[in-house]
Amino acid sequence: MTKQIDDLSRYYRYELVHGDHADFIAYQRNQGDGVWQTYSTWMIPRANGE
């Protein structure tokens, strides 16, 4: 089972990016030669008190 997951991780990934007022999760696919293209992005807003 681990081998199958490792094989899939070469083709897509999720990246977490921290911003000043929100965090973002980006879904990316490998286009080849180390080039990753973002297909979708989700914003996670932070509470006003932070």
PDB file of N, CA and C in Angstrom:
ATOM      1  N   MET A   1       0.818  -1.204   0.000  1.00  0.00           N
ATOM      2  CA  MET A   1       0.000   0.000   0.000  1.00  0.00           C
ATOM      3  C   MET A   1       0.859   1.263   0.000  1.00  0.00           C
ATOM      4  N   THR A   2       1.954   1.266   0.703  1.00  0.00           N
ATOM      5  CA  THR A   2       2.814   2.445   0.754  1.00  0.00           C
ATOM      6  C   THR A   2       3.387   2.765  -0.619  1.00  0.00           C
ATOM      7  N   LYS A   3       3.767   1.747  -1.385  1.00  0.00           N
ATOM      8  CA  LYS A   3       4.330   1.962  -2.724  1.00  0.00           C
ATOM      9  C   LYS A   3       3.330   2.694  -3.607  1.00  0.00           C
ATOM     10  N   GLN A   4       2.067   2.309  -3.548  1.00  0.00           N
ATOM     11  CA  GLN A   4       1.042   2.952  -4.364  1.00  0.00           C
ATOM     12  C   GLN A   4       0.911   4.427  -3.980  1.00  0.00           C
ATOM     13  N   ILE A   5       0.928   4.758  -2.720  1.00  0.00           N
ATOM     14  CA  ILE A   5       0.839   6.144  -2.272  1.00  0.00           C
ATOM     15  C   ILE A   5       2.061   6.923  -2.734  1.00  0.00           C
ATOM     16  N   ASP A   6       3.248   6.327  -2.619  1.00  0.00           N
ATOM     17  CA  ASP A   6       4.466   6.992  -3.078  1.00  0.00           C
ATOM     18  C   ASP A   6       4.411   7.268  -4.575  1.00  0.00           C
ATOM     19  N   ASP A   7       3.875   6.347  -5.351  1.00  0.00           N
ATOM     20  CA  ASP A   7       3.757   6.546  -6.795  1.00  0.00           C
ATOM     21  C   ASP A   7       2.824   7.719  -7.109  1.00  0.00           C
ATOM     22  N   LEU A   8       1.721   7.831  -6.388  1.00  0.00           N
ATOM     23  CA  LEU A   8       0.771   8.915  -6.624  1.00  0.00           C
ATOM     24  C   LEU A   8       1.341  10.267  -6.227  1.00  0.00           C
ATOM     25  N   SER A   9       2.199  10.301  -5.209  1.00  0.00           N
ATOM     26  CA  SER A   9       2.739  11.576  -4.734  1.00  0.00           C
ATOM     27  C   SER A   9       3.654  12.232  -5.760  1.00  0.00           C
ATOM     28  N   ARG A  10       4.083  11.497  -6.755  1.00  0.00           N
ATOM     29  CA  ARG A  10       4.892  12.094  -7.824  1.00  0.00           C
ATOM     30  C   ARG A  10       4.032  12.882  -8.806  1.00  0.00           C
ATOM     31  N   TYR A  11       2.717  12.671  -8.780  1.00  0.00           N
ATOM     32  CA  TYR A  11       1.828  13.286  -9.756  1.00  0.00           C
ATOM     33  C   TYR A  11       0.994  14.434  -9.199  1.00  0.00           C
ATOM     34  N   TYR A  12       0.724  14.443  -7.901  1.00  0.00           N
ATOM     35  CA  TYR A  12      -0.048  15.536  -7.320  1.00  0.00           C
ATOM     36  C   TYR A  12       0.388  15.781  -5.883  1.00  0.00           C
ATOM     37  N   ARG A  13       0.073  16.985  -5.379  1.00  0.00           N
ATOM     38  CA  ARG A  13       0.404  17.330  -3.999  1.00  0.00           C
ATOM     39  C   ARG A  13      -0.513  18.447  -3.521  1.00  0.00           C
ATOM     40  N   TYR A  14      -0.608  18.557  -2.199  1.00  0.00           N
ATOM     41  CA  TYR A  14      -1.289  19.667  -1.552  1.00  0.00           C
ATOM     42  C   TYR A  14      -0.230  20.498  -0.851  1.00  0.00           C
ATOM     43  N   GLU A  15      -0.291  21.814  -1.014  1.00  0.00           N
ATOM     44  CA  GLU A  15       0.695  22.695  -0.408  1.00  0.00           C
ATOM     45  C   GLU A  15      -0.024  23.678   0.509  1.00  0.00           C
ATOM     46  N   LEU A  16       0.459  23.818   1.743  1.00  0.00           N
ATOM     47  CA  LEU A  16      -0.093  24.758   2.711  1.00  0.00           C
ATOM     48  C   LEU A  16       0.764  26.009   2.715  1.00  0.00           C
ATOM     49  N   VAL A  17       0.127  27.170   2.515  1.00  0.00           N
ATOM     50  CA  VAL A  17       0.830  28.453   2.484  1.00  0.00           C
ATOM     51  C   VAL A  17       0.223  29.343   3.557  1.00  0.00           C
ATOM     52  N   HIS A  18       1.070  29.908   4.421  1.00  0.00           N
ATOM     53  CA  HIS A  18       0.610  30.796   5.487  1.00  0.00           C
ATOM     54  C   HIS A  18       0.660  32.242   5.014  1.00  0.00           C
ATOM     55  N   GLY A  19      -0.440  32.977   5.207  1.00  0.00           N
ATOM     56  CA  GLY A  19      -0.492  34.401   4.885  1.00  0.00           C
ATOM     57  C   GLY A  19      -0.720  35.208   6.152  1.00  0.00           C
ATOM     58  N   ASP A  20      -0.756  36.532   6.028  1.00  0.00           N
ATOM     59  CA  ASP A  20      -0.945  37.400   7.191  1.00  0.00           C
ATOM     60  C   ASP A  20      -2.335  37.269   7.797  1.00  0.00           C
ATOM     61  N   HIS A  21      -3.363  37.153   6.968  1.00  0.00           N
ATOM     62  CA  HIS A  21      -4.740  37.132   7.457  1.00  0.00           C
ATOM     63  C   HIS A  21      -5.477  35.835   7.145  1.00  0.00           C
ATOM     64  N   ALA A  22      -4.817  34.925   6.443  1.00  0.00           N
ATOM     65  CA  ALA A  22      -5.455  33.662   6.079  1.00  0.00           C
ATOM     66  C   ALA A  22      -4.385  32.654   5.684  1.00  0.00           C
ATOM     67  N   ASP A  23      -4.756  31.392   5.729  1.00  0.00           N
ATOM     68  CA  ASP A  23      -3.902  30.324   5.227  1.00  0.00           C
ATOM     69  C   ASP A  23      -4.541  29.793   3.941  1.00  0.00           C
ATOM     70  N   PHE A  24      -3.729  29.224   3.077  1.00  0.00           N
ATOM     71  CA  PHE A  24      -4.209  28.729   1.794  1.00  0.00           C
ATOM     72  C   PHE A  24      -3.721  27.305   1.574  1.00  0.00           C
ATOM     73  N   ILE A  25      -4.583  26.487   0.972  1.00  0.00           N
ATOM     74  CA  ILE A  25      -4.207  25.141   0.559  1.00  0.00           C
ATOM     75  C   ILE A  25      -4.328  25.101  -0.960  1.00  0.00           C
ATOM     76  N   ALA A  26      -3.263  24.679  -1.620  1.00  0.00           N
ATOM     77  CA  ALA A  26      -3.251  24.611  -3.082  1.00  0.00           C
ATOM     78  C   ALA A  26      -3.124  23.154  -3.520  1.00  0.00           C
ATOM     79  N   TYR A  27      -3.982  22.744  -4.454  1.00  0.00           N
ATOM     80  CA  TYR A  27      -3.899  21.419  -5.064  1.00  0.00           C
ATOM     81  C   TYR A  27      -3.107  21.566  -6.349  1.00  0.00           C
ATOM     82  N   GLN A  28      -1.999  20.831  -6.465  1.00  0.00           N
ATOM     83  CA  GLN A  28      -1.109  20.971  -7.612  1.00  0.00           C
ATOM     84  C   GLN A  28      -0.862  19.622  -8.269  1.00  0.00           C
ATOM     85  N   ARG A  29      -0.669  19.659  -9.593  1.00  0.00           N
ATOM     86  CA  ARG A  29      -0.327  18.457 -10.360  1.00  0.00           C
ATOM     87  C   ARG A  29       1.016  18.658 -11.032  1.00  0.00           C
ATOM     88  N   ASN A  30       1.777  17.571 -11.115  1.00  0.00           N
ATOM     89  CA  ASN A  30       3.094  17.609 -11.741  1.00  0.00           C
ATOM     90  C   ASN A  30       2.924  17.589 -13.257  1.00  0.00           C
ATOM     91  N   GLN A  31       3.486  18.595 -13.922  1.00  0.00           N
ATOM     92  CA  GLN A  31       3.410  18.690 -15.380  1.00  0.00           C
ATOM     93  C   GLN A  31       4.625  18.062 -16.053  1.00  0.00           C
ATOM     94  N   GLY A  32       5.573  17.591 -15.266  1.00  0.00           N
ATOM     95  CA  GLY A  32       6.797  16.999 -15.799  1.00  0.00           C
ATOM     96  C   GLY A  32       7.967  17.948 -15.658  1.00  0.00           C
ATOM     97  N   ASP A  33       9.166  17.396 -15.626  1.00  0.00           N
ATOM     98  CA  ASP A  33      10.399  18.173 -15.493  1.00  0.00           C
ATOM     99  C   ASP A  33      10.398  19.068 -14.258  1.00  0.00           C
ATOM    100  N   GLY A  34       9.734  18.645 -13.181  1.00  0.00           N
ATOM    101  CA  GLY A  34       9.728  19.416 -11.942  1.00  0.00           C
ATOM    102  C   GLY A  34       8.797  20.614 -11.940  1.00  0.00           C
ATOM    103  N   VAL A  35       7.935  20.738 -12.939  1.00  0.00           N
ATOM    104  CA  VAL A  35       7.001  21.862 -13.028  1.00  0.00           C
ATOM    105  C   VAL A  35       5.670  21.442 -12.411  1.00  0.00           C
ATOM    106  N   TRP A  36       5.196  22.213 -11.412  1.00  0.00           N
ATOM    107  CA  TRP A  36       3.928  21.945 -10.745  1.00  0.00           C
ATOM    108  C   TRP A  36       2.933  23.039 -11.119  1.00  0.00           C
ATOM    109  N   GLN A  37       1.710  22.640 -11.508  1.00  0.00           N
ATOM    110  CA  GLN A  37       0.667  23.598 -11.855  1.00  0.00           C
ATOM    111  C   GLN A  37      -0.434  23.538 -10.810  1.00  0.00           C
ATOM    112  N   THR A  38      -0.863  24.708 -10.327  1.00  0.00           N
ATOM    113  CA  THR A  38      -1.941  24.793  -9.347  1.00  0.00           C
ATOM    114  C   THR A  38      -3.280  24.702 -10.070  1.00  0.00           C
ATOM    115  N   TYR A  39      -4.136  23.784  -9.623  1.00  0.00           N
ATOM    116  CA  TYR A  39      -5.457  23.605 -10.212  1.00  0.00           C
ATOM    117  C   TYR A  39      -6.563  24.175  -9.347  1.00  0.00           C
ATOM    118  N   SER A  40      -6.337  24.230  -8.040  1.00  0.00           N
ATOM    119  CA  SER A  40      -7.372  24.719  -7.143  1.00  0.00           C
ATOM    120  C   SER A  40      -6.721  25.260  -5.878  1.00  0.00           C
ATOM    121  N   THR A  41      -7.339  26.292  -5.296  1.00  0.00           N
ATOM    122  CA  THR A  41      -6.828  26.890  -4.068  1.00  0.00           C
ATOM    123  C   THR A  41      -7.995  27.135  -3.120  1.00  0.00           C
ATOM    124  N   TRP A  42      -7.801  26.815  -1.850  1.00  0.00           N
ATOM    125  CA  TRP A  42      -8.795  27.062  -0.818  1.00  0.00           C
ATOM    126  C   TRP A  42      -8.225  28.028   0.205  1.00  0.00           C
ATOM    127  N   MET A  43      -9.041  28.986   0.643  1.00  0.00           N
ATOM    128  CA  MET A  43      -8.617  29.932   1.662  1.00  0.00           C
ATOM    129  C   MET A  43      -9.220  29.537   3.004  1.00  0.00           C
ATOM    130  N   ILE A  44      -8.404  29.582   4.051  1.00  0.00           N
ATOM    131  CA  ILE A  44      -8.856  29.320   5.409  1.00  0.00           C
ATOM    132  C   ILE A  44      -8.658  30.618   6.188  1.00  0.00           C
ATOM    133  N   PRO A  45      -9.722  31.425   6.379  1.00  0.00           N
ATOM    134  CA  PRO A  45      -9.557  32.704   7.072  1.00  0.00           C
ATOM    135  C   PRO A  45      -9.221  32.497   8.545  1.00  0.00           C
ATOM    136  N   ARG A  46      -8.489  33.443   9.091  1.00  0.00           N
ATOM    137  CA  ARG A  46      -8.156  33.414  10.515  1.00  0.00           C
ATOM    138  C   ARG A  46      -9.163  34.258  11.279  1.00  0.00           C
ATOM    139  N   ALA A  47      -9.282  33.972  12.575  1.00  0.00           N
ATOM    140  CA  ALA A  47     -10.176  34.752  13.432  1.00  0.00           C
ATOM    141  C   ALA A  47      -9.644  36.179  13.555  1.00  0.00           C
ATOM    142  N   ASN A  48     -10.520  37.140  13.794  1.00  0.00           N
ATOM    143  CA  ASN A  48     -10.124  38.546  13.892  1.00  0.00           C
ATOM    144  C   ASN A  48      -9.163  38.816  15.033  1.00  0.00           C
ATOM    145  N   GLY A  49      -9.200  38.032  16.079  1.00  0.00           N
ATOM    146  CA  GLY A  49      -8.366  38.257  17.251  1.00  0.00           C
ATOM    147  C   GLY A  49      -6.923  37.845  17.087  1.00  0.00           C
ATOM    148  N   GLU A  50      -6.582  37.162  16.019  1.00  0.00           N
ATOM    149  CA  GLU A  50      -5.206  36.667  15.851  1.00  0.00           C
ATOM    150  C   GLU A  50      -4.315  37.669  15.179  1.00  0.00           C
TER     151      GLU A  50
END
